[in-house]
Every structure is written in structure tokens, then in C-alpha cells.
Full PDB file with SEQRES, HELIX, SHEET, SSBOND, CRYST1, ORIGX, SCALE, CONECT and MASTER records, all heavy atoms in Angstrom:
SEQRES   1 A   39  HIS ALA TRP ILE GLY ILE ARG ASP VAL CYS MET ASP TYR          
SEQRES   2 A   39  VAL HIS PHE VAL TRP GLY ARG VAL VAL ALA TYR LEU LEU          
SEQRES   3 A   39  PHE ALA SER TRP LEU VAL ALA CYS VAL ILE TYR SER PHE          
HELIX    1 AA1 ALA A    2  TYR A   13  1                                  12    
HELIX    2 AA2 VAL A   17  SER A   38  1                                  22    
CRYST1    1.000    1.000    1.000  90.00  90.00  90.00 P 1           1          
ORIGX1      1.000000  0.000000  0.000000        0.00000                         
ORIGX2      0.000000  1.000000  0.000000        0.00000                         
ORIGX3      0.000000  0.000000  1.000000        0.00000                         
SCALE1      1.000000  0.000000  0.000000        0.00000                         
SCALE2      0.000000  1.000000  0.000000        0.00000                         
SCALE3      0.000000  0.000000  1.000000        0.00000                         
ATOM      1  N   HIS A   1      90.657 100.835 112.174  1.00  0.00           N  
ATOM      2  CA  HIS A   1      89.932 101.476 111.074  1.00  0.00           C  
ATOM      3  C   HIS A   1      89.868 100.512 109.873  1.00  0.00           C  
ATOM      4  O   HIS A   1      88.808 100.341 109.264  1.00  0.00           O  
ATOM      5  CB  HIS A   1      90.653 102.771 110.693  1.00  0.00           C  
ATOM      6  CG  HIS A   1      89.901 103.644 109.768  1.00  0.00           C  
ATOM      7  ND1 HIS A   1      89.035 104.613 110.215  1.00  0.00           N  
ATOM      8  CD2 HIS A   1      89.894 103.728 108.415  1.00  0.00           C  
ATOM      9  CE1 HIS A   1      88.530 105.250 109.173  1.00  0.00           C  
ATOM     10  NE2 HIS A   1      89.038 104.729 108.070  1.00  0.00           N  
ATOM     11  N   ALA A   2      90.994  99.891 109.576  1.00  0.00           N  
ATOM     12  CA  ALA A   2      91.042  98.938 108.463  1.00  0.00           C  
ATOM     13  C   ALA A   2      90.172  97.722 108.756  1.00  0.00           C  
ATOM     14  O   ALA A   2      89.490  97.205 107.862  1.00  0.00           O  
ATOM     15  CB  ALA A   2      92.482  98.519 108.202  1.00  0.00           C  
ATOM     16  N   TRP A   3      90.189  97.256 110.002  1.00  0.00           N  
ATOM     17  CA  TRP A   3      89.382  96.094 110.362  1.00  0.00           C  
ATOM     18  C   TRP A   3      87.896  96.366 110.147  1.00  0.00           C  
ATOM     19  O   TRP A   3      87.180  95.541 109.569  1.00  0.00           O  
ATOM     20  CB  TRP A   3      89.638  95.677 111.809  1.00  0.00           C  
ATOM     21  CG  TRP A   3      88.661  94.643 112.247  1.00  0.00           C  
ATOM     22  CD1 TRP A   3      87.634  94.808 113.121  1.00  0.00           C  
ATOM     23  CD2 TRP A   3      88.579  93.298 111.777  1.00  0.00           C  
ATOM     24  NE1 TRP A   3      86.931  93.635 113.242  1.00  0.00           N  
ATOM     25  CE2 TRP A   3      87.485  92.686 112.421  1.00  0.00           C  
ATOM     26  CE3 TRP A   3      89.326  92.547 110.872  1.00  0.00           C  
ATOM     27  CZ2 TRP A   3      87.126  91.365 112.182  1.00  0.00           C  
ATOM     28  CZ3 TRP A   3      88.958  91.228 110.644  1.00  0.00           C  
ATOM     29  CH2 TRP A   3      87.871  90.655 111.294  1.00  0.00           C  
ATOM     30  N   ILE A   4      87.423  97.509 110.596  1.00  0.00           N  
ATOM     31  CA  ILE A   4      86.004  97.844 110.415  1.00  0.00           C  
ATOM     32  C   ILE A   4      85.665  97.903 108.932  1.00  0.00           C  
ATOM     33  O   ILE A   4      84.654  97.367 108.479  1.00  0.00           O  
ATOM     34  CB  ILE A   4      85.647  99.175 111.114  1.00  0.00           C  
ATOM     35  CG1 ILE A   4      85.761  99.036 112.624  1.00  0.00           C  
ATOM     36  CG2 ILE A   4      84.236  99.620 110.737  1.00  0.00           C  
ATOM     37  CD1 ILE A   4      85.624 100.344 113.376  1.00  0.00           C  
ATOM     38  N   GLY A   5      86.535  98.536 108.155  1.00  0.00           N  
ATOM     39  CA  GLY A   5      86.290  98.659 106.723  1.00  0.00           C  
ATOM     40  C   GLY A   5      86.267  97.321 106.012  1.00  0.00           C  
ATOM     41  O   GLY A   5      85.346  97.028 105.233  1.00  0.00           O  
ATOM     42  N   ILE A   6      87.262  96.470 106.271  1.00  0.00           N  
ATOM     43  CA  ILE A   6      87.316  95.182 105.580  1.00  0.00           C  
ATOM     44  C   ILE A   6      86.184  94.275 106.035  1.00  0.00           C  
ATOM     45  O   ILE A   6      85.628  93.514 105.233  1.00  0.00           O  
ATOM     46  CB  ILE A   6      88.687  94.506 105.732  1.00  0.00           C  
ATOM     47  CG1 ILE A   6      88.874  93.423 104.659  1.00  0.00           C  
ATOM     48  CG2 ILE A   6      88.857  93.851 107.073  1.00  0.00           C  
ATOM     49  CD1 ILE A   6      89.014  93.927 103.280  1.00  0.00           C  
ATOM     50  N   ARG A   7      85.810  94.372 107.300  1.00  0.00           N  
ATOM     51  CA  ARG A   7      84.697  93.558 107.787  1.00  0.00           C  
ATOM     52  C   ARG A   7      83.399  93.953 107.083  1.00  0.00           C  
ATOM     53  O   ARG A   7      82.623  93.097 106.650  1.00  0.00           O  
ATOM     54  CB  ARG A   7      84.546  93.718 109.304  1.00  0.00           C  
ATOM     55  CG  ARG A   7      83.576  92.704 109.893  1.00  0.00           C  
ATOM     56  CD  ARG A   7      83.102  93.070 111.253  1.00  0.00           C  
ATOM     57  NE  ARG A   7      82.368  94.323 111.169  1.00  0.00           N  
ATOM     58  CZ  ARG A   7      82.439  95.287 112.079  1.00  0.00           C  
ATOM     59  NH1 ARG A   7      83.180  95.150 113.141  1.00  0.00           N  
ATOM     60  NH2 ARG A   7      81.748  96.393 111.934  1.00  0.00           N  
ATOM     61  N   ASP A   8      83.187  95.240 106.928  1.00  0.00           N  
ATOM     62  CA  ASP A   8      81.972  95.699 106.241  1.00  0.00           C  
ATOM     63  C   ASP A   8      81.972  95.297 104.768  1.00  0.00           C  
ATOM     64  O   ASP A   8      80.935  94.895 104.230  1.00  0.00           O  
ATOM     65  CB  ASP A   8      81.824  97.212 106.383  1.00  0.00           C  
ATOM     66  CG  ASP A   8      81.469  97.617 107.803  1.00  0.00           C  
ATOM     67  OD1 ASP A   8      81.130  96.734 108.620  1.00  0.00           O  
ATOM     68  OD2 ASP A   8      81.543  98.834 108.097  1.00  0.00           O  
ATOM     69  N   VAL A   9      83.126  95.397 104.121  1.00  0.00           N  
ATOM     70  CA  VAL A   9      83.217  94.984 102.716  1.00  0.00           C  
ATOM     71  C   VAL A   9      82.934  93.485 102.592  1.00  0.00           C  
ATOM     72  O   VAL A   9      82.190  93.056 101.696  1.00  0.00           O  
ATOM     73  CB  VAL A   9      84.598  95.344 102.123  1.00  0.00           C  
ATOM     74  CG1 VAL A   9      84.831  94.663 100.791  1.00  0.00           C  
ATOM     75  CG2 VAL A   9      84.730  96.850 101.975  1.00  0.00           C  
ATOM     76  N   CYS A  10      83.516  92.686 103.487  1.00  0.00           N  
ATOM     77  CA  CYS A  10      83.267  91.238 103.447  1.00  0.00           C  
ATOM     78  C   CYS A  10      81.794  90.924 103.693  1.00  0.00           C  
ATOM     79  O   CYS A  10      81.229  90.045 103.034  1.00  0.00           O  
ATOM     80  CB  CYS A  10      84.139  90.516 104.471  1.00  0.00           C  
ATOM     81  SG  CYS A  10      85.861  90.370 103.974  1.00  0.00           S  
ATOM     82  N   MET A  11      81.172  91.612 104.638  1.00  0.00           N  
ATOM     83  CA  MET A  11      79.750  91.356 104.910  1.00  0.00           C  
ATOM     84  C   MET A  11      78.902  91.685 103.693  1.00  0.00           C  
ATOM     85  O   MET A  11      77.904  91.012 103.424  1.00  0.00           O  
ATOM     86  CB  MET A  11      79.276  92.175 106.113  1.00  0.00           C  
ATOM     87  CG  MET A  11      79.662  91.571 107.426  1.00  0.00           C  
ATOM     88  SD  MET A  11      78.839  92.331 108.824  1.00  0.00           S  
ATOM     89  CE  MET A  11      79.602  93.933 108.886  1.00  0.00           C  
ATOM     90  N   ASP A  12      79.292  92.715 102.939  1.00  0.00           N  
ATOM     91  CA  ASP A  12      78.495  93.116 101.788  1.00  0.00           C  
ATOM     92  C   ASP A  12      78.748  92.265 100.553  1.00  0.00           C  
ATOM     93  O   ASP A  12      77.832  92.029  99.768  1.00  0.00           O  
ATOM     94  CB  ASP A  12      78.771  94.578 101.443  1.00  0.00           C  
ATOM     95  CG  ASP A  12      78.214  95.540 102.465  1.00  0.00           C  
ATOM     96  OD1 ASP A  12      77.351  95.127 103.263  1.00  0.00           O  
ATOM     97  OD2 ASP A  12      78.655  96.716 102.487  1.00  0.00           O  
ATOM     98  N   TYR A  13      79.983  91.802 100.350  1.00  0.00           N  
ATOM     99  CA  TYR A  13      80.337  91.194  99.069  1.00  0.00           C  
ATOM    100  C   TYR A  13      80.762  89.735  99.124  1.00  0.00           C  
ATOM    101  O   TYR A  13      80.850  89.093  98.081  1.00  0.00           O  
ATOM    102  CB  TYR A  13      81.440  92.015  98.390  1.00  0.00           C  
ATOM    103  CG  TYR A  13      80.967  93.409  98.068  1.00  0.00           C  
ATOM    104  CD1 TYR A  13      81.413  94.504  98.793  1.00  0.00           C  
ATOM    105  CD2 TYR A  13      80.037  93.618  97.053  1.00  0.00           C  
ATOM    106  CE1 TYR A  13      80.964  95.777  98.510  1.00  0.00           C  
ATOM    107  CE2 TYR A  13      79.585  94.892  96.766  1.00  0.00           C  
ATOM    108  CZ  TYR A  13      80.050  95.961  97.497  1.00  0.00           C  
ATOM    109  OH  TYR A  13      79.592  97.209  97.214  1.00  0.00           O  
ATOM    110  N   VAL A  14      81.075  89.190 100.301  1.00  0.00           N  
ATOM    111  CA  VAL A  14      81.430  87.772 100.395  1.00  0.00           C  
ATOM    112  C   VAL A  14      80.220  87.051 100.975  1.00  0.00           C  
ATOM    113  O   VAL A  14      79.968  87.118 102.172  1.00  0.00           O  
ATOM    114  CB  VAL A  14      82.695  87.560 101.267  1.00  0.00           C  
ATOM    115  CG1 VAL A  14      83.040  86.083 101.338  1.00  0.00           C  
ATOM    116  CG2 VAL A  14      83.866  88.362 100.725  1.00  0.00           C  
ATOM    117  N   HIS A  15      79.487  86.391 100.119  1.00  0.00           N  
ATOM    118  CA  HIS A  15      78.215  85.810 100.531  1.00  0.00           C  
ATOM    119  C   HIS A  15      78.361  84.405 101.110  1.00  0.00           C  
ATOM    120  O   HIS A  15      77.510  83.952 101.858  1.00  0.00           O  
ATOM    121  CB  HIS A  15      77.238  85.801  99.352  1.00  0.00           C  
ATOM    122  CG  HIS A  15      77.000  87.176  98.818  1.00  0.00           C  
ATOM    123  ND1 HIS A  15      76.320  88.138  99.520  1.00  0.00           N  
ATOM    124  CD2 HIS A  15      77.399  87.773  97.675  1.00  0.00           C  
ATOM    125  CE1 HIS A  15      76.288  89.259  98.827  1.00  0.00           C  
ATOM    126  NE2 HIS A  15      76.933  89.063  97.697  1.00  0.00           N  
ATOM    127  N   PHE A  16      79.442  83.723 100.778  1.00  0.00           N  
ATOM    128  CA  PHE A  16      79.697  82.387 101.304  1.00  0.00           C  
ATOM    129  C   PHE A  16      80.288  82.538 102.705  1.00  0.00           C  
ATOM    130  O   PHE A  16      81.322  83.188 102.896  1.00  0.00           O  
ATOM    131  CB  PHE A  16      80.656  81.657 100.362  1.00  0.00           C  
ATOM    132  CG  PHE A  16      80.953  80.246 100.772  1.00  0.00           C  
ATOM    133  CD1 PHE A  16      79.937  79.300 100.882  1.00  0.00           C  
ATOM    134  CD2 PHE A  16      82.253  79.857 101.038  1.00  0.00           C  
ATOM    135  CE1 PHE A  16      80.216  78.003 101.254  1.00  0.00           C  
ATOM    136  CE2 PHE A  16      82.539  78.560 101.410  1.00  0.00           C  
ATOM    137  CZ  PHE A  16      81.525  77.626 101.520  1.00  0.00           C  
ATOM    138  N   VAL A  17      79.635  81.962 103.720  1.00  0.00           N  
ATOM    139  CA  VAL A  17      80.018  82.171 105.123  1.00  0.00           C  
ATOM    140  C   VAL A  17      81.462  81.759 105.371  1.00  0.00           C  
ATOM    141  O   VAL A  17      82.229  82.491 106.016  1.00  0.00           O  
ATOM    142  CB  VAL A  17      79.059  81.429 106.074  1.00  0.00           C  
ATOM    143  CG1 VAL A  17      79.547  81.532 107.507  1.00  0.00           C  
ATOM    144  CG2 VAL A  17      77.655  81.986 105.947  1.00  0.00           C  
ATOM    145  N   TRP A  18      81.875  80.584 104.876  1.00  0.00           N  
ATOM    146  CA  TRP A  18      83.251  80.137 105.143  1.00  0.00           C  
ATOM    147  C   TRP A  18      84.270  81.016 104.426  1.00  0.00           C  
ATOM    148  O   TRP A  18      85.379  81.220 104.919  1.00  0.00           O  
ATOM    149  CB  TRP A  18      83.425  78.673 104.772  1.00  0.00           C  
ATOM    150  CG  TRP A  18      82.785  77.813 105.815  1.00  0.00           C  
ATOM    151  CD1 TRP A  18      81.609  77.128 105.695  1.00  0.00           C  
ATOM    152  CD2 TRP A  18      83.255  77.603 107.143  1.00  0.00           C  
ATOM    153  NE1 TRP A  18      81.315  76.490 106.882  1.00  0.00           N  
ATOM    154  CE2 TRP A  18      82.318  76.770 107.792  1.00  0.00           C  
ATOM    155  CE3 TRP A  18      84.361  78.039 107.859  1.00  0.00           C  
ATOM    156  CZ2 TRP A  18      82.467  76.360 109.103  1.00  0.00           C  
ATOM    157  CZ3 TRP A  18      84.509  77.624 109.164  1.00  0.00           C  
ATOM    158  CH2 TRP A  18      83.571  76.802 109.766  1.00  0.00           C  
ATOM    159  N   GLY A  19      83.902  81.551 103.300  1.00  0.00           N  
ATOM    160  CA  GLY A  19      84.794  82.490 102.611  1.00  0.00           C  
ATOM    161  C   GLY A  19      84.994  83.747 103.437  1.00  0.00           C  
ATOM    162  O   GLY A  19      86.105  84.287 103.537  1.00  0.00           O  
ATOM    163  N   ARG A  20      83.915  84.187 104.063  1.00  0.00           N  
ATOM    164  CA  ARG A  20      83.984  85.362 104.936  1.00  0.00           C  
ATOM    165  C   ARG A  20      84.841  85.073 106.164  1.00  0.00           C  
ATOM    166  O   ARG A  20      85.671  85.887 106.566  1.00  0.00           O  
ATOM    167  CB  ARG A  20      82.569  85.775 105.342  1.00  0.00           C  
ATOM    168  CG  ARG A  20      82.496  87.130 105.961  1.00  0.00           C  
ATOM    169  CD  ARG A  20      81.076  87.547 106.273  1.00  0.00           C  
ATOM    170  NE  ARG A  20      80.210  87.367 105.126  1.00  0.00           N  
ATOM    171  CZ  ARG A  20      78.938  86.985 105.212  1.00  0.00           C  
ATOM    172  NH1 ARG A  20      78.401  86.735 106.384  1.00  0.00           N  
ATOM    173  NH2 ARG A  20      78.213  86.854 104.137  1.00  0.00           N  
ATOM    174  N   VAL A  21      84.673  83.892 106.752  1.00  0.00           N  
ATOM    175  CA  VAL A  21      85.452  83.513 107.932  1.00  0.00           C  
ATOM    176  C   VAL A  21      86.941  83.461 107.585  1.00  0.00           C  
ATOM    177  O   VAL A  21      87.786  83.962 108.324  1.00  0.00           O  
ATOM    178  CB  VAL A  21      84.958  82.163 108.508  1.00  0.00           C  
ATOM    179  CG1 VAL A  21      85.920  81.633 109.553  1.00  0.00           C  
ATOM    180  CG2 VAL A  21      83.566  82.323 109.083  1.00  0.00           C  
ATOM    181  N   VAL A  22      87.262  82.855 106.443  1.00  0.00           N  
ATOM    182  CA  VAL A  22      88.668  82.766 106.019  1.00  0.00           C  
ATOM    183  C   VAL A  22      89.228  84.165 105.781  1.00  0.00           C  
ATOM    184  O   VAL A  22      90.355  84.477 106.209  1.00  0.00           O  
ATOM    185  CB  VAL A  22      88.806  81.881 104.762  1.00  0.00           C  
ATOM    186  CG1 VAL A  22      90.189  82.007 104.151  1.00  0.00           C  
ATOM    187  CG2 VAL A  22      88.494  80.432 105.102  1.00  0.00           C  
ATOM    188  N   ALA A  23      88.465  85.028 105.126  1.00  0.00           N  
ATOM    189  CA  ALA A  23      88.927  86.395 104.879  1.00  0.00           C  
ATOM    190  C   ALA A  23      89.155  87.130 106.201  1.00  0.00           C  
ATOM    191  O   ALA A  23      90.170  87.825 106.367  1.00  0.00           O  
ATOM    192  CB  ALA A  23      87.907  87.145 104.019  1.00  0.00           C  
ATOM    193  N   TYR A  24      88.237  86.971 107.143  1.00  0.00           N  
ATOM    194  CA  TYR A  24      88.404  87.597 108.460  1.00  0.00           C  
ATOM    195  C   TYR A  24      89.666  87.106 109.159  1.00  0.00           C  
ATOM    196  O   TYR A  24      90.441  87.892 109.709  1.00  0.00           O  
ATOM    197  CB  TYR A  24      87.213  87.298 109.365  1.00  0.00           C  
ATOM    198  CG  TYR A  24      85.919  87.989 109.027  1.00  0.00           C  
ATOM    199  CD1 TYR A  24      84.732  87.568 109.595  1.00  0.00           C  
ATOM    200  CD2 TYR A  24      85.877  89.073 108.163  1.00  0.00           C  
ATOM    201  CE1 TYR A  24      83.529  88.191 109.304  1.00  0.00           C  
ATOM    202  CE2 TYR A  24      84.683  89.691 107.866  1.00  0.00           C  
ATOM    203  CZ  TYR A  24      83.510  89.252 108.440  1.00  0.00           C  
ATOM    204  OH  TYR A  24      82.338  89.870 108.152  1.00  0.00           O  
ATOM    205  N   LEU A  25      89.869  85.792 109.159  1.00  0.00           N  
ATOM    206  CA  LEU A  25      91.033  85.225 109.838  1.00  0.00           C  
ATOM    207  C   LEU A  25      92.339  85.692 109.197  1.00  0.00           C  
ATOM    208  O   LEU A  25      93.289  86.055 109.904  1.00  0.00           O  
ATOM    209  CB  LEU A  25      90.956  83.704 109.847  1.00  0.00           C  
ATOM    210  CG  LEU A  25      89.924  83.100 110.781  1.00  0.00           C  
ATOM    211  CD1 LEU A  25      89.829  81.592 110.570  1.00  0.00           C  
ATOM    212  CD2 LEU A  25      90.249  83.419 112.230  1.00  0.00           C  
ATOM    213  N   LEU A  26      92.397  85.689 107.883  1.00  0.00           N  
ATOM    214  CA  LEU A  26      93.613  86.132 107.200  1.00  0.00           C  
ATOM    215  C   LEU A  26      93.891  87.606 107.462  1.00  0.00           C  
ATOM    216  O   LEU A  26      95.021  87.995 107.789  1.00  0.00           O  
ATOM    217  CB  LEU A  26      93.507  85.870 105.699  1.00  0.00           C  
ATOM    218  CG  LEU A  26      93.549  84.413 105.258  1.00  0.00           C  
ATOM    219  CD1 LEU A  26      93.274  84.301 103.766  1.00  0.00           C  
ATOM    220  CD2 LEU A  26      94.885  83.786 105.610  1.00  0.00           C  
ATOM    221  N   PHE A  27      92.869  88.424 107.321  1.00  0.00           N  
ATOM    222  CA  PHE A  27      93.070  89.858 107.497  1.00  0.00           C  
ATOM    223  C   PHE A  27      93.354  90.205 108.952  1.00  0.00           C  
ATOM    224  O   PHE A  27      94.240  91.017 109.239  1.00  0.00           O  
ATOM    225  CB  PHE A  27      91.856  90.638 106.987  1.00  0.00           C  
ATOM    226  CG  PHE A  27      92.168  92.079 106.742  1.00  0.00           C  
ATOM    227  CD1 PHE A  27      92.938  92.460 105.657  1.00  0.00           C  
ATOM    228  CD2 PHE A  27      91.711  93.051 107.608  1.00  0.00           C  
ATOM    229  CE1 PHE A  27      93.243  93.792 105.437  1.00  0.00           C  
ATOM    230  CE2 PHE A  27      92.003  94.386 107.393  1.00  0.00           C  
ATOM    231  CZ  PHE A  27      92.772  94.757 106.300  1.00  0.00           C  
ATOM    232  N   ALA A  28      92.649  89.575 109.880  1.00  0.00           N  
ATOM    233  CA  ALA A  28      92.895  89.839 111.302  1.00  0.00           C  
ATOM    234  C   ALA A  28      94.305  89.406 111.692  1.00  0.00           C  
ATOM    235  O   ALA A  28      94.994  90.112 112.443  1.00  0.00           O  
ATOM    236  CB  ALA A  28      91.857  89.121 112.163  1.00  0.00           C  
ATOM    237  N   SER A  29      94.753  88.266 111.182  1.00  0.00           N  
ATOM    238  CA  SER A  29      96.116  87.805 111.474  1.00  0.00           C  
ATOM    239  C   SER A  29      97.144  88.794 110.950  1.00  0.00           C  
ATOM    240  O   SER A  29      98.128  89.113 111.626  1.00  0.00           O  
ATOM    241  CB  SER A  29      96.362  86.436 110.841  1.00  0.00           C  
ATOM    242  OG  SER A  29      95.478  85.495 111.354  1.00  0.00           O  
ATOM    243  N   TRP A  30      96.921  89.280 109.746  1.00  0.00           N  
ATOM    244  CA  TRP A  30      97.842  90.250 109.144  1.00  0.00           C  
ATOM    245  C   TRP A  30      97.848  91.548 109.962  1.00  0.00           C  
ATOM    246  O   TRP A  30      98.922  92.105 110.225  1.00  0.00           O  
ATOM    247  CB  TRP A  30      97.444  90.520 107.697  1.00  0.00           C  
ATOM    248  CG  TRP A  30      98.338  91.490 107.020  1.00  0.00           C  
ATOM    249  CD1 TRP A  30      99.626  91.291 106.622  1.00  0.00           C  
ATOM    250  CD2 TRP A  30      98.019  92.840 106.669  1.00  0.00           C  
ATOM    251  NE1 TRP A  30     100.119  92.439 106.049  1.00  0.00           N  
ATOM    252  CE2 TRP A  30      99.153  93.399 106.056  1.00  0.00           C  
ATOM    253  CE3 TRP A  30      96.869  93.620 106.812  1.00  0.00           C  
ATOM    254  CZ2 TRP A  30      99.167  94.706 105.589  1.00  0.00           C  
ATOM    255  CZ3 TRP A  30      96.907  94.915 106.344  1.00  0.00           C  
ATOM    256  CH2 TRP A  30      98.038  95.445 105.736  1.00  0.00           C  
ATOM    257  N   LEU A  31      96.691  92.028 110.392  1.00  0.00           N  
ATOM    258  CA  LEU A  31      96.627  93.254 111.194  1.00  0.00           C  
ATOM    259  C   LEU A  31      97.316  93.086 112.542  1.00  0.00           C  
ATOM    260  O   LEU A  31      98.039  93.982 112.991  1.00  0.00           O  
ATOM    261  CB  LEU A  31      95.176  93.692 111.395  1.00  0.00           C  
ATOM    262  CG  LEU A  31      94.507  94.349 110.211  1.00  0.00           C  
ATOM    263  CD1 LEU A  31      93.033  94.604 110.521  1.00  0.00           C  
ATOM    264  CD2 LEU A  31      95.192  95.637 109.825  1.00  0.00           C  
ATOM    265  N   VAL A  32      97.100  91.953 113.199  1.00  0.00           N  
ATOM    266  CA  VAL A  32      97.764  91.701 114.483  1.00  0.00           C  
ATOM    267  C   VAL A  32      99.279  91.670 114.293  1.00  0.00           C  
ATOM    268  O   VAL A  32     100.030  92.253 115.083  1.00  0.00           O  
ATOM    269  CB  VAL A  32      97.238  90.397 115.129  1.00  0.00           C  
ATOM    270  CG1 VAL A  32      98.111  89.966 116.291  1.00  0.00           C  
ATOM    271  CG2 VAL A  32      95.801  90.581 115.574  1.00  0.00           C  
ATOM    272  N   ALA A  33      99.742  91.018 113.233  1.00  0.00           N  
ATOM    273  CA  ALA A  33     101.182  90.976 112.953  1.00  0.00           C  
ATOM    274  C   ALA A  33     101.724  92.382 112.704  1.00  0.00           C  
ATOM    275  O   ALA A  33     102.813  92.731 113.190  1.00  0.00           O  
ATOM    276  CB  ALA A  33     101.455  90.070 111.752  1.00  0.00           C  
ATOM    277  N   CYS A  34     100.978  93.210 111.992  1.00  0.00           N  
ATOM    278  CA  CYS A  34     101.412  94.588 111.739  1.00  0.00           C  
ATOM    279  C   CYS A  34     101.493  95.397 113.030  1.00  0.00           C  
ATOM    280  O   CYS A  34     102.442  96.165 113.227  1.00  0.00           O  
ATOM    281  CB  CYS A  34     100.464  95.275 110.750  1.00  0.00           C  
ATOM    282  SG  CYS A  34     100.634  94.694 109.064  1.00  0.00           S  
ATOM    283  N   VAL A  35     100.518  95.241 113.905  1.00  0.00           N  
ATOM    284  CA  VAL A  35     100.529  95.973 115.177  1.00  0.00           C  
ATOM    285  C   VAL A  35     101.693  95.503 116.049  1.00  0.00           C  
ATOM    286  O   VAL A  35     102.387  96.326 116.662  1.00  0.00           O  
ATOM    287  CB  VAL A  35      99.179  95.823 115.909  1.00  0.00           C  
ATOM    288  CG1 VAL A  35      99.266  96.311 117.351  1.00  0.00           C  
ATOM    289  CG2 VAL A  35      98.092  96.571 115.157  1.00  0.00           C  
ATOM    290  N   ILE A  36     101.932  94.205 116.096  1.00  0.00           N  
ATOM    291  CA  ILE A  36     103.066  93.690 116.876  1.00  0.00           C  
ATOM    292  C   ILE A  36     104.375  94.227 116.306  1.00  0.00           C  
ATOM    293  O   ILE A  36     105.253  94.679 117.050  1.00  0.00           O  
ATOM    294  CB  ILE A  36     103.055  92.151 116.902  1.00  0.00           C  
ATOM    295  CG1 ILE A  36     101.885  91.658 117.737  1.00  0.00           C  
ATOM    296  CG2 ILE A  36     104.381  91.591 117.436  1.00  0.00           C  
ATOM    297  CD1 ILE A  36     101.626  90.169 117.631  1.00  0.00           C  
ATOM    298  N   TYR A  37     104.513  94.215 114.990  1.00  0.00           N  
ATOM    299  CA  TYR A  37     105.722  94.721 114.357  1.00  0.00           C  
ATOM    300  C   TYR A  37     105.890  96.218 114.614  1.00  0.00           C  
ATOM    301  O   TYR A  37     107.004  96.691 114.877  1.00  0.00           O  
ATOM    302  CB  TYR A  37     105.687  94.415 112.859  1.00  0.00           C  
ATOM    303  CG  TYR A  37     106.973  94.702 112.143  1.00  0.00           C  
ATOM    304  CD1 TYR A  37     108.146  94.049 112.503  1.00  0.00           C  
ATOM    305  CD2 TYR A  37     107.026  95.613 111.103  1.00  0.00           C  
ATOM    306  CE1 TYR A  37     109.333  94.299 111.851  1.00  0.00           C  
ATOM    307  CE2 TYR A  37     108.204  95.872 110.440  1.00  0.00           C  
ATOM    308  CZ  TYR A  37     109.356  95.215 110.817  1.00  0.00           C  
ATOM    309  OH  TYR A  37     110.522  95.476 110.166  1.00  0.00           O  
ATOM    310  N   SER A  38     104.797  96.971 114.560  1.00  0.00           N  
ATOM    311  CA  SER A  38     104.888  98.407 114.844  1.00  0.00           C  
ATOM    312  C   SER A  38     105.340  98.647 116.276  1.00  0.00           C  
ATOM    313  O   SER A  38     106.138  99.543 116.549  1.00  0.00           O  
ATOM    314  CB  SER A  38     103.560  99.120 114.570  1.00  0.00           C  
ATOM    315  OG  SER A  38     102.597  98.813 115.559  1.00  0.00           O  
ATOM    316  N   PHE A  39     104.840  97.833 117.199  1.00  0.00           N  
ATOM    317  CA  PHE A  39     105.271  97.948 118.598  1.00  0.00           C  
ATOM    318  C   PHE A  39     106.770  97.686 118.714  1.00  0.00           C  
ATOM    319  O   PHE A  39     107.487  98.410 119.415  1.00  0.00           O  
ATOM    320  CB  PHE A  39     104.486  96.964 119.474  1.00  0.00           C  
ATOM    321  CG  PHE A  39     104.823  97.066 120.930  1.00  0.00           C  
ATOM    322  CD1 PHE A  39     104.205  98.017 121.729  1.00  0.00           C  
ATOM    323  CD2 PHE A  39     105.761  96.233 121.502  1.00  0.00           C  
ATOM    324  CE1 PHE A  39     104.514  98.128 123.073  1.00  0.00           C  
ATOM    325  CE2 PHE A  39     106.089  96.329 122.846  1.00  0.00           C  
ATOM    326  CZ  PHE A  39     105.458  97.289 123.629  1.00  0.00           C  
TER     327      PHE A  39                                                      
MASTER        0    0    0    2    0    0    0    6  326    1    0    3          
END                                                                             
């Protein structure tokens, strides 16, 4: 749910492609770490 939301926010407000890629990588890494920790 958070991934879909942050991806949509980045698509709407981060206009620089590499900035969007970096934001995706950072947020996706954090979400994966949270899921692993929850497991």
C-alpha cells in the first residue's frame, strides 16, 4: 500500500528522472528491510 502511494507521489511531484529512480530505490529498500524485519 505504501509502495503504490509513494510511487504515485513521486510520479506526480519528482520531475527529474534520476531523482525519481533514487527515491524509488531508497524507499523500496526500506520497505523490503521492514518486511524482512517483520518476518
